[in-house]
Amino acid sequence: MMERLHIIIIGDVQGVFFRAGAQSEARKLGITGWARNLPDGSVEVTAEGAHESLEKLLVWCGHGPAGASVSEIKSEWLAATGEFADFRIKY
């Protein structure tokens, strides 16, 4: 069963390849969706996939790539819409 996970990652998470790392991790896990930087310095991720795979992505987002310093993570589970073909970085 597919689910949707919305994540906000707060901390030193921009300029450290967080979005690219999230994209790589999501693609390895077979997850679709997107990641983008927000004006307040946080990163937003919306992802769809199997619950277990989304849990793994959530754990990854808790630390991110080398150079990132995550101070807080907010997440919300939602119903999947099936709207994504792959995982992209939004600009």
C-alpha atoms as a PDB file:
ATOM      1  CA  MET A   1       0.000   0.000   0.000  1.00  0.00           C
ATOM      2  CA  MET A   2       1.348   3.380  -1.032  1.00  0.00           C
ATOM      3  CA  GLU A   3       1.478   6.271   1.418  1.00  0.00           C
ATOM      4  CA  ARG A   4       2.562   9.898   1.320  1.00  0.00           C
ATOM      5  CA  LEU A   5       4.966  11.542   3.762  1.00  0.00           C
ATOM      6  CA  HIS A   6       5.456  15.297   4.087  1.00  0.00           C
ATOM      7  CA  ILE A   7       8.666  16.317   5.895  1.00  0.00           C
ATOM      8  CA  ILE A   8      10.152  19.650   6.975  1.00  0.00           C
ATOM      9  CA  ILE A   9      13.835  19.455   7.951  1.00  0.00           C
ATOM     10  CA  ILE A  10      15.148  22.320  10.077  1.00  0.00           C
ATOM     11  CA  GLY A  11      18.763  23.168  10.837  1.00  0.00           C
ATOM     12  CA  ASP A  12      21.873  23.750   8.729  1.00  0.00           C
ATOM     13  CA  VAL A  13      20.395  21.899   5.762  1.00  0.00           C
ATOM     14  CA  GLN A  14      20.840  24.229   2.780  1.00  0.00           C
ATOM     15  CA  GLY A  15      24.072  24.421   0.820  1.00  0.00           C
ATOM     16  CA  VAL A  16      25.131  20.942   1.967  1.00  0.00           C
ATOM     17  CA  PHE A  17      23.593  18.873  -0.883  1.00  0.00           C
ATOM     18  CA  PHE A  18      20.610  17.878   1.257  1.00  0.00           C
ATOM     19  CA  ARG A  19      18.158  17.888  -1.651  1.00  0.00           C
ATOM     20  CA  ALA A  20      20.511  15.890  -3.889  1.00  0.00           C
ATOM     21  CA  GLY A  21      21.124  13.424  -1.072  1.00  0.00           C
ATOM     22  CA  ALA A  22      17.393  13.061  -0.447  1.00  0.00           C
ATOM     23  CA  GLN A  23      16.854  12.476  -4.165  1.00  0.00           C
ATOM     24  CA  SER A  24      19.536   9.790  -4.263  1.00  0.00           C
ATOM     25  CA  GLU A  25      18.172   8.077  -1.151  1.00  0.00           C
ATOM     26  CA  ALA A  26      14.588   8.221  -2.442  1.00  0.00           C
ATOM     27  CA  ARG A  27      15.547   6.746  -5.794  1.00  0.00           C
ATOM     28  CA  LYS A  28      17.412   3.885  -4.068  1.00  0.00           C
ATOM     29  CA  LEU A  29      14.283   3.195  -2.012  1.00  0.00           C
ATOM     30  CA  GLY A  30      11.882   3.381  -4.981  1.00  0.00           C
ATOM     31  CA  ILE A  31      10.202   6.527  -3.652  1.00  0.00           C
ATOM     32  CA  THR A  32       8.694   9.277  -5.812  1.00  0.00           C
ATOM     33  CA  GLY A  33       8.133  12.938  -4.961  1.00  0.00           C
ATOM     34  CA  TRP A  34      10.279  16.033  -4.568  1.00  0.00           C
ATOM     35  CA  ALA A  35      12.565  18.085  -2.306  1.00  0.00           C
ATOM     36  CA  ARG A  36      13.008  21.843  -2.201  1.00  0.00           C
ATOM     37  CA  ASN A  37      14.645  24.588  -0.164  1.00  0.00           C
ATOM     38  CA  LEU A  38      12.329  26.931   1.715  1.00  0.00           C
ATOM     39  CA  PRO A  39      12.996  30.658   2.266  1.00  0.00           C
ATOM     40  CA  ASP A  40      13.418  30.162   6.035  1.00  0.00           C
ATOM     41  CA  GLY A  41      16.469  27.908   5.509  1.00  0.00           C
ATOM     42  CA  SER A  42      14.679  24.592   5.954  1.00  0.00           C
ATOM     43  CA  VAL A  43      14.154  21.808   3.394  1.00  0.00           C
ATOM     44  CA  GLU A  44      10.742  20.414   2.469  1.00  0.00           C
ATOM     45  CA  VAL A  45      10.243  16.877   1.160  1.00  0.00           C
ATOM     46  CA  THR A  46       7.045  15.322  -0.141  1.00  0.00           C
ATOM     47  CA  ALA A  47       7.415  11.631  -0.912  1.00  0.00           C
ATOM     48  CA  GLU A  48       5.254   8.669  -1.869  1.00  0.00           C
ATOM     49  CA  GLY A  49       6.015   4.981  -1.628  1.00  0.00           C
ATOM     50  CA  ALA A  50       5.731   1.933   0.579  1.00  0.00           C
ATOM     51  CA  HIS A  51       5.498   2.711   4.309  1.00  0.00           C
ATOM     52  CA  GLU A  52       8.744   0.878   5.121  1.00  0.00           C
ATOM     53  CA  SER A  53      10.648   2.790   2.425  1.00  0.00           C
ATOM     54  CA  LEU A  54       9.234   6.110   3.609  1.00  0.00           C
ATOM     55  CA  GLU A  55      10.300   5.259   7.175  1.00  0.00           C
ATOM     56  CA  LYS A  56      13.854   4.728   5.890  1.00  0.00           C
ATOM     57  CA  LEU A  57      13.768   8.087   4.091  1.00  0.00           C
ATOM     58  CA  LEU A  58      12.506   9.744   7.278  1.00  0.00           C
ATOM     59  CA  VAL A  59      15.421   8.258   9.245  1.00  0.00           C
ATOM     60  CA  TRP A  60      17.849   9.492   6.570  1.00  0.00           C
ATOM     61  CA  CYS A  61      16.327  12.992   6.749  1.00  0.00           C
ATOM     62  CA  GLY A  62      16.999  12.980  10.492  1.00  0.00           C
ATOM     63  CA  HIS A  63      20.720  13.300   9.807  1.00  0.00           C
ATOM     64  CA  GLY A  64      21.021  14.074   6.098  1.00  0.00           C
ATOM     65  CA  PRO A  65      24.293  14.115   4.176  1.00  0.00           C
ATOM     66  CA  ALA A  66      27.721  14.876   5.614  1.00  0.00           C
ATOM     67  CA  GLY A  67      27.851  18.594   6.403  1.00  0.00           C
ATOM     68  CA  ALA A  68      24.191  18.849   7.384  1.00  0.00           C
ATOM     69  CA  SER A  69      23.150  19.557  10.956  1.00  0.00           C
ATOM     70  CA  VAL A  70      19.503  18.688  11.553  1.00  0.00           C
ATOM     71  CA  SER A  71      18.028  20.334  14.652  1.00  0.00           C
ATOM     72  CA  GLU A  72      14.368  19.416  14.136  1.00  0.00           C
ATOM     73  CA  ILE A  73      12.237  17.339  11.809  1.00  0.00           C
ATOM     74  CA  LYS A  74       8.479  17.600  11.343  1.00  0.00           C
ATOM     75  CA  SER A  75       6.561  14.908   9.496  1.00  0.00           C
ATOM     76  CA  GLU A  76       2.987  14.169   8.517  1.00  0.00           C
ATOM     77  CA  TRP A  77       1.591  10.955   7.019  1.00  0.00           C
ATOM     78  CA  LEU A  78      -1.039  11.419   4.305  1.00  0.00           C
ATOM     79  CA  ALA A  79      -2.875   9.419   1.659  1.00  0.00           C
ATOM     80  CA  ALA A  80      -0.882   8.863  -1.534  1.00  0.00           C
ATOM     81  CA  THR A  81      -2.121  10.542  -4.710  1.00  0.00           C
ATOM     82  CA  GLY A  82       0.103   8.769  -7.235  1.00  0.00           C
ATOM     83  CA  GLU A  83       0.914  12.060  -8.943  1.00  0.00           C
ATOM     84  CA  PHE A  84       4.713  11.626  -9.131  1.00  0.00           C
ATOM     85  CA  ALA A  85       6.647   9.700 -11.798  1.00  0.00           C
ATOM     86  CA  ASP A  86      10.031   9.975 -10.054  1.00  0.00           C
ATOM     87  CA  PHE A  87      11.812  11.960  -7.336  1.00  0.00           C
ATOM     88  CA  ARG A  88      12.894  15.474  -8.331  1.00  0.00           C
ATOM     89  CA  ILE A  89      14.522  18.530  -6.892  1.00  0.00           C
ATOM     90  CA  LYS A  90      12.234  21.558  -7.083  1.00  0.00           C
ATOM     91  CA  TYR A  91      13.776  24.998  -7.585  1.00  0.00           C
END
